[in-house]
Protein backbone atom coordinates (compact mmCIF):
# COMPACT_ATOMS: atom_id res chain seq x y z
CA ILE A 1 14.90 88.65 94.59
CA TYR A 2 11.17 89.42 94.91
CA GLY A 3 11.51 92.12 92.25
CA VAL A 4 12.68 89.46 89.78
CA TYR A 5 10.85 86.29 90.83
CA PRO A 6 7.56 86.24 92.72
CA PRO A 7 7.53 83.68 95.53
CA MET A 8 5.82 80.37 94.77
CA VAL A 9 3.83 80.72 98.03
CA ASN A 10 3.23 83.30 100.75
CA PRO A 11 3.48 81.57 104.14
CA CYS A 12 3.73 84.83 106.17
CA LEU A 13 2.66 84.63 109.76
CA PRO A 14 0.45 87.39 111.23
CA GLU A 15 2.11 90.67 112.21
CA GLY A 16 3.91 90.38 115.52
CA GLN A 17 4.80 86.69 115.08
CA TRP A 18 8.30 85.55 114.14
CA ASN A 19 8.82 84.41 110.57
CA THR A 20 11.71 82.08 109.77
CA PHE A 21 13.90 82.08 106.68
CA ASP A 22 16.35 79.35 105.74
CA ILE A 23 18.44 80.36 102.75
CA VAL A 24 20.72 78.20 100.64
CA PHE A 25 22.92 80.54 98.62
CA GLU A 26 25.27 79.40 95.87
CA ALA A 27 27.75 82.22 95.26
CA PRO A 28 28.66 83.29 91.74
CA LYS A 29 32.02 82.27 90.37
CA PHE A 30 34.34 84.54 88.39
CA ASP A 31 37.43 83.98 86.30
CA GLY A 32 39.01 87.42 86.55
CA GLU A 33 36.37 89.82 85.21
CA LYS A 34 34.30 87.07 83.53
CA LEU A 35 31.25 85.50 85.18
CA VAL A 36 31.69 81.71 85.01
CA LYS A 37 28.64 80.64 87.07
CA PRO A 38 25.77 82.83 88.27
CA ALA A 39 24.47 82.81 91.84
CA PHE A 40 21.47 80.70 92.89
CA LEU A 41 19.18 81.01 95.88
CA THR A 42 16.75 78.59 97.53
CA LEU A 43 14.49 80.06 100.22
CA PHE A 44 12.55 78.12 102.82
CA PHE A 45 10.07 80.60 104.33
CA ASN A 46 8.47 79.28 107.53
CA GLY A 47 9.50 75.80 106.40
CA VAL A 48 7.90 76.12 102.94
CA VAL A 49 9.93 76.42 99.72
CA ALA A 50 9.20 79.91 98.39
CA HIS A 51 12.09 80.01 95.87
CA ASN A 52 13.77 76.91 94.49
CA ARG A 53 17.29 77.47 93.13
CA ALA A 54 16.32 80.79 91.57
CA GLN A 55 19.11 82.12 89.38
CA LEU A 56 20.15 85.59 90.44
CA LEU A 57 20.70 88.03 87.61
CA GLY A 58 23.29 90.04 89.52
CA SER A 59 23.67 91.72 92.88
CA THR A 60 20.81 91.41 95.36
CA SER A 61 21.06 95.13 96.15
CA ARG A 62 18.14 97.22 95.01
CA GLU A 63 20.04 99.19 92.37
CA PRO A 64 21.39 98.37 89.83
CA ILE A 65 19.31 95.31 89.10
CA ALA A 66 20.70 92.43 87.02
CA GLU A 67 24.33 93.45 87.07
CA TYR A 68 27.24 91.31 88.22
CA ALA A 69 30.53 92.80 89.31
CA PRO A 70 33.51 90.56 90.07
CA HIS A 71 34.12 90.26 93.82
CA ALA A 72 35.76 88.09 96.45
CA PRO A 73 34.21 84.64 97.06
CA GLU A 74 32.90 85.78 100.47
CA LEU A 75 31.59 89.20 101.44
CA PRO A 76 29.86 90.52 104.60
CA LEU A 77 26.22 89.57 105.15
CA SER A 78 23.71 92.44 104.90
CA LEU A 79 20.14 92.29 106.20
CA GLN A 80 17.35 94.64 105.21
CA ALA A 81 13.75 95.36 106.07
CA HIS A 82 10.99 97.07 104.13
CA VAL A 83 8.21 98.79 106.02
CA GLY A 84 8.04 99.14 109.78
CA PRO A 85 10.41 97.88 112.42
CA ALA A 86 12.34 94.68 111.85
CA ARG A 87 14.23 92.52 114.31
CA TYR A 88 16.51 89.60 113.65
CA ARG A 89 17.58 86.81 115.96
CA ASN A 90 19.25 83.40 115.79
CA ILE A 91 21.24 84.06 112.62
CA TRP A 92 23.58 81.26 111.59
CA VAL A 93 25.91 81.14 108.63
CA ARG A 94 27.27 77.77 107.64
CA ARG A 95 29.44 76.94 104.68
CA LEU A 96 28.18 73.90 102.80
CA PRO A 97 31.06 71.94 101.31
CA GLY A 98 30.57 70.09 98.06
CA TYR A 99 30.11 66.34 98.04
CA ASP A 100 33.70 65.88 96.92
CA ALA A 101 35.12 68.01 99.76
């Protein structure tokens, strides 16, 4: 997402300290091969909104950028790092039902 939208703020903690990310992800919706609703992402980075309902232009994989491909409503979660070692802990996934659910 950072290659498409720069964050509104940079609340990174110093190297060696744990950063926290809370992500609200709205999955895309497909009708067969047709995209009906794109995906949206809101990111709370160390408690600060860094992205607010940013519309994703396609897959969040590095390549190809801005390309949707029809897929199941839920897929496995993938985590990545950039430079240097990365560790993850306390990962929770929670489905958020709609207000009418």
